[in-house]
Protein backbone atom coordinates (compact mmCIF):
# COMPACT_ATOMS: atom_id res chain seq x y z
CA MET A 1 -30.03 -6.28 0.87
CA ALA A 2 -28.20 -8.97 -1.12
CA GLN A 3 -25.05 -10.27 0.51
CA ASP A 4 -21.81 -9.66 -1.39
CA GLN A 5 -20.15 -13.01 -2.20
CA THR A 6 -16.87 -11.48 -3.45
CA SER A 7 -13.82 -12.99 -1.74
CA PRO A 8 -11.73 -10.81 0.58
CA GLU A 9 -8.74 -11.28 -1.74
CA ALA A 10 -10.74 -10.00 -4.73
CA LYS A 11 -11.97 -7.02 -2.71
CA VAL A 12 -8.41 -6.17 -1.64
CA ARG A 13 -7.16 -6.38 -5.25
CA ALA A 14 -10.07 -4.21 -6.46
CA ILE A 15 -9.38 -1.52 -3.84
CA LEU A 16 -5.67 -1.49 -4.73
CA ALA A 17 -6.50 -1.17 -8.45
CA ARG A 18 -9.14 1.55 -7.95
CA HIS A 19 -7.10 3.92 -5.81
CA HIS A 20 -3.72 5.48 -6.52
CA LEU A 21 -2.96 7.44 -3.36
CA MET A 22 -2.16 6.05 0.05
CA SER A 23 -1.37 7.48 3.44
CA VAL A 24 1.95 6.20 4.79
CA ALA A 25 2.53 6.42 8.54
CA THR A 26 6.05 6.12 9.95
CA LEU A 27 7.54 6.71 13.39
CA ARG A 28 9.63 9.81 13.96
CA PRO A 29 12.70 9.62 16.21
CA ASP A 30 10.74 11.31 19.02
CA GLY A 31 8.10 8.53 18.89
CA TRP A 32 5.35 10.60 17.27
CA PRO A 33 3.76 9.24 14.08
CA GLN A 34 4.20 11.02 10.77
CA ALA A 35 1.64 10.39 8.00
CA THR A 36 1.84 11.64 4.42
CA LEU A 37 0.12 10.92 1.12
CA VAL A 38 2.07 9.26 -1.67
CA ASN A 39 1.22 7.64 -5.00
CA TYR A 40 1.75 3.90 -5.28
CA LEU A 41 1.93 1.10 -7.78
CA ALA A 42 0.48 -2.26 -6.71
CA ASP A 43 1.92 -5.58 -7.82
CA GLY A 44 -0.36 -8.05 -6.08
CA LEU A 45 -0.16 -7.13 -2.40
CA THR A 46 3.29 -5.58 -2.83
CA LEU A 47 3.19 -1.79 -3.07
CA TYR A 48 5.91 0.44 -4.53
CA PHE A 49 6.24 4.13 -3.75
CA LEU A 50 8.72 6.97 -4.01
CA VAL A 51 10.07 9.38 -1.44
CA ALA A 52 12.80 11.99 -1.53
CA GLN A 53 16.14 10.61 -0.31
CA ASP A 54 16.46 13.54 2.11
CA SER A 55 12.87 13.38 3.40
CA GLN A 56 11.77 12.79 6.98
CA LYS A 57 9.79 9.77 5.78
CA ARG A 58 12.93 8.15 4.29
CA ALA A 59 14.89 8.79 7.50
CA ASN A 60 12.05 7.38 9.60
CA ILE A 61 11.88 4.20 7.48
CA ALA A 62 15.66 3.78 7.60
CA ALA A 63 15.48 3.87 11.41
CA ASP A 64 12.38 1.62 11.67
CA PRO A 65 11.03 -0.11 8.54
CA ARG A 66 7.64 -0.89 10.12
CA ILE A 67 4.98 1.29 8.52
CA SER A 68 1.20 1.49 8.30
CA ILE A 69 -0.74 2.35 5.18
CA ALA A 70 -4.35 3.44 4.61
CA ILE A 71 -6.06 3.30 1.20
CA GLY A 72 -9.70 3.80 0.29
CA GLY A 73 -12.66 6.07 -0.16
CA ASP A 74 -16.36 6.30 -0.85
CA ALA A 75 -16.58 8.22 -4.13
CA ASP A 76 -17.86 5.22 -6.09
CA GLY A 77 -20.19 3.60 -3.57
CA PRO A 78 -20.21 2.52 0.08
CA PRO A 79 -16.95 3.17 1.96
CA GLN A 80 -14.28 0.57 1.28
CA GLY A 81 -10.65 0.64 2.26
CA LEU A 82 -7.57 -1.07 3.52
CA SER A 83 -5.44 -0.57 6.55
CA LEU A 84 -2.12 -2.38 6.14
CA ALA A 85 0.86 -2.94 8.42
CA GLY A 86 4.18 -4.27 7.24
CA HIS A 87 7.74 -3.43 6.29
CA ALA A 88 9.23 -1.02 3.77
CA THR A 89 12.57 -1.75 2.14
CA LEU A 90 14.72 0.35 -0.14
CA ILE A 91 15.17 -0.92 -3.68
CA ASP A 92 18.54 0.17 -5.00
CA ASP A 93 19.14 -2.61 -7.53
CA PRO A 94 19.12 -0.99 -11.01
CA LEU A 95 17.52 -4.13 -12.53
CA TRP A 96 14.56 -3.84 -10.13
CA VAL A 97 14.22 -0.13 -10.88
CA ASP A 98 14.31 -0.84 -14.63
CA ALA A 99 11.70 -3.62 -14.30
CA LEU A 100 9.46 -1.36 -12.25
CA ASN A 101 9.81 1.45 -14.80
CA ARG A 102 8.69 -0.96 -17.54
CA LYS A 103 5.68 -1.90 -15.40
CA ILE A 104 4.86 1.78 -14.77
CA TRP A 105 4.96 2.57 -18.49
CA GLY A 106 2.61 -0.36 -19.13
CA THR A 107 0.14 1.01 -16.57
CA PRO A 108 -2.73 3.30 -17.68
CA GLU A 109 -1.64 6.93 -17.46
CA PHE A 110 -4.15 7.81 -14.70
CA ALA A 111 -2.62 5.11 -12.47
CA ARG A 112 1.04 6.04 -12.97
CA PHE A 113 2.99 7.83 -10.33
CA GLU A 114 5.44 10.69 -10.78
CA PRO A 115 8.33 11.20 -10.63
CA HIS A 116 9.49 7.89 -12.01
CA PRO A 117 12.28 6.10 -10.14
CA SER A 118 15.48 7.64 -11.40
CA GLY A 119 18.30 9.75 -10.15
CA ARG A 120 19.81 9.96 -6.72
CA ALA A 121 17.24 12.37 -5.25
CA VAL A 122 14.45 9.79 -5.21
CA ALA A 123 14.24 6.59 -3.15
CA LEU A 124 12.15 3.68 -4.42
CA LEU A 125 10.56 1.67 -1.62
CA ARG A 126 8.79 -1.68 -1.58
CA PHE A 127 6.07 -2.32 1.01
CA THR A 128 5.41 -5.91 2.01
CA PRO A 129 2.27 -6.26 4.14
CA ARG A 130 2.05 -8.50 7.20
CA TRP A 131 -1.46 -7.48 8.29
CA VAL A 132 -4.42 -6.38 6.17
CA SER A 133 -7.64 -4.92 7.54
CA LEU A 134 -10.44 -4.82 4.98
CA ILE A 135 -13.03 -2.15 5.66
CA ASP A 136 -16.16 -2.77 3.61
CA TYR A 137 -19.46 -1.09 4.42
CA GLY A 138 -21.00 -2.32 1.16
CA SER A 139 -21.55 -5.87 2.37
CA ARG A 140 -22.45 -7.61 5.58
CA PRO A 141 -21.19 -7.65 8.23
CA GLY A 142 -20.06 -4.21 7.06
CA ARG A 143 -17.24 -4.03 9.53
CA ILE A 144 -13.50 -4.53 9.57
CA GLN A 145 -12.08 -7.95 8.73
CA LEU A 146 -8.48 -8.59 9.85
CA PHE A 147 -6.16 -10.89 7.91
CA CYS A 148 -2.58 -12.07 8.36
CA VAL A 149 -0.67 -12.26 5.07
CA GLN A 150 0.85 -15.72 4.62
CA LYS A 151 4.13 -16.45 2.81
CA ASP A 152 2.17 -17.59 -0.26
CA TRP A 153 0.23 -14.27 -0.17
CA ARG A 154 -2.98 -15.90 1.08
CA LEU A 155 -5.06 -13.82 3.48
CA GLU A 156 -5.63 -15.85 6.65
CA PRO A 157 -8.56 -14.51 8.74
CA VAL A 158 -7.65 -13.44 12.28
CA ASP A 159 -10.24 -13.58 15.03
CA ALA A 160 -10.66 -10.25 16.80
């Protein structure tokens, strides 16, 4: 088997571009996790997603902005995915919302998410990762590689 020479950063970007659903895990007030599927839009390693203002997920994030995200699959080859940990923040600046809407409309239709950020019923959230686990069974060693996201968005390998 030929060894894959693609950089971890390139693999992460490719996974983010290929998939359009992610599982978001938050902590409920009683300490139990809550995970749901949401669409996302990737801008580099920054992910944007929508939730209802009155949803449990929004309340959980308001109480504790630390969240975990899982993205991936195996429909187009060996299993590949990402497990990310970081912080979610509410974007309520109309200029940011407008800029994101322009980016969404410039995205291929299959990759867009609905509903678009507008109105008071929907909250637009930005996810900034701190930790990235790359799961790649298509290349050796075919296991999980853990990275810490640096301020300049470099992925710094972390020894297990």
